Amino acid sequence: MDLKSFRITNYRNILDSHPVEVGRIAALVGQNECGKSNLLSALNGLNAFDGSGYNVEEDWPIDRWPPPAQPAVIPEIHPASLVIFRT
């Protein structure tokens, strides 16, 4: 089974990656601190070999947190909203 495409939402600095198509060979290219490692980290969280998964307190986008005076209400969802595999 091969990864065909994925879409990441609400993960660290990625609000919405939009669909990302993946071929047999893929390269992530971009400026420093634009989210390349976060894309890979979100995909790893789907089936982390060390069982780490997601930590909502660290992985939820900081600019989506409520002001400190308000209680934090964070949905319990996986940031990777869509993953399509080729069979």
Protein backbone atom coordinates (compact mmCIF):
# COMPACT_ATOMS: atom_id res chain seq x y z
CA MET A 1 0.00 0.00 0.00
CA ASP A 2 1.46 3.37 -1.07
CA LEU A 3 0.54 6.88 0.02
CA LYS A 4 -1.29 8.67 -2.78
CA SER A 5 -2.24 12.01 -1.18
CA PHE A 6 -2.84 13.67 2.17
CA ARG A 7 -4.21 16.86 3.70
CA ILE A 8 -3.17 18.27 7.09
CA THR A 9 -5.31 20.75 9.04
CA ASN A 10 -4.85 22.44 12.42
CA TYR A 11 -1.41 21.05 13.20
CA ARG A 12 1.29 23.32 14.65
CA ASN A 13 1.90 26.03 12.00
CA ILE A 14 -0.25 24.30 9.33
CA LEU A 15 -3.82 25.56 9.27
CA ASP A 16 -4.66 23.78 5.99
CA SER A 17 -2.15 22.16 3.66
CA HIS A 18 -4.80 21.51 0.98
CA PRO A 19 -4.46 18.16 -0.80
CA VAL A 20 -0.82 17.13 -1.35
CA GLU A 21 -0.28 14.54 -4.09
CA VAL A 22 2.54 12.05 -3.48
CA GLY A 23 4.28 9.94 -6.12
CA ARG A 24 6.85 7.18 -5.81
CA ILE A 25 9.46 9.88 -5.18
CA ALA A 26 8.56 13.05 -3.31
CA ALA A 27 10.57 16.09 -2.22
CA LEU A 28 9.54 18.74 0.28
CA VAL A 29 11.06 22.06 -0.73
CA GLY A 30 10.54 25.41 0.96
CA GLN A 31 11.97 28.20 3.05
CA ASN A 32 13.18 27.64 6.59
CA GLU A 33 10.37 27.25 9.14
CA CYS A 34 7.59 26.99 6.54
CA GLY A 35 6.25 23.64 7.83
CA LYS A 36 8.11 20.88 5.94
CA SER A 37 8.98 18.94 9.10
CA ASN A 38 5.49 19.52 10.52
CA LEU A 39 3.93 17.83 7.47
CA LEU A 40 6.06 14.75 8.09
CA SER A 41 5.43 14.88 11.84
CA ALA A 42 1.65 14.95 11.31
CA LEU A 43 1.83 11.93 9.00
CA ASN A 44 4.03 10.11 11.52
CA GLY A 45 1.41 10.76 14.21
CA LEU A 46 -1.09 8.56 12.34
CA ASN A 47 0.94 5.45 13.12
CA ALA A 48 3.92 6.49 15.24
CA PHE A 49 6.33 3.61 15.84
CA ASP A 50 7.05 4.86 19.37
CA GLY A 51 3.37 5.33 20.28
CA SER A 52 3.74 9.10 20.70
CA GLY A 53 0.79 10.11 18.49
CA TYR A 54 -0.54 13.64 18.96
CA ASN A 55 -0.29 15.97 21.93
CA VAL A 56 -3.10 18.54 21.63
CA GLU A 57 -1.36 20.97 23.99
CA GLU A 58 1.72 21.08 21.76
CA ASP A 59 0.37 20.31 18.30
CA TRP A 60 -2.72 22.54 18.12
CA PRO A 61 -1.91 25.83 16.26
CA ILE A 62 -0.95 28.45 18.85
CA ASP A 63 -2.82 31.23 17.03
CA ARG A 64 -6.07 29.26 17.43
CA TRP A 65 -5.84 29.14 21.24
CA PRO A 66 -8.34 31.36 23.08
CA PRO A 67 -7.12 34.35 25.13
CA PRO A 68 -5.69 33.33 28.54
CA ALA A 69 -8.76 34.62 30.42
CA GLN A 70 -11.04 32.17 28.58
CA PRO A 71 -11.09 28.40 29.13
CA ALA A 72 -9.47 26.45 26.31
CA VAL A 73 -11.88 24.34 24.29
CA ILE A 74 -9.93 22.22 21.83
CA PRO A 75 -11.64 19.63 19.64
CA GLU A 76 -10.24 16.13 20.02
CA ILE A 77 -9.55 15.37 16.37
CA HIS A 78 -6.55 14.16 14.47
CA PRO A 79 -4.83 16.95 12.54
CA ALA A 80 -4.41 14.76 9.47
CA SER A 81 -7.93 15.02 8.16
CA LEU A 82 -7.51 13.03 4.96
CA VAL A 83 -5.04 10.35 3.89
CA ILE A 84 -5.49 8.36 0.67
CA PHE A 85 -3.51 5.19 -0.06
CA ARG A 86 -2.90 3.47 -3.38
CA THR A 87 -3.48 -0.30 -3.23
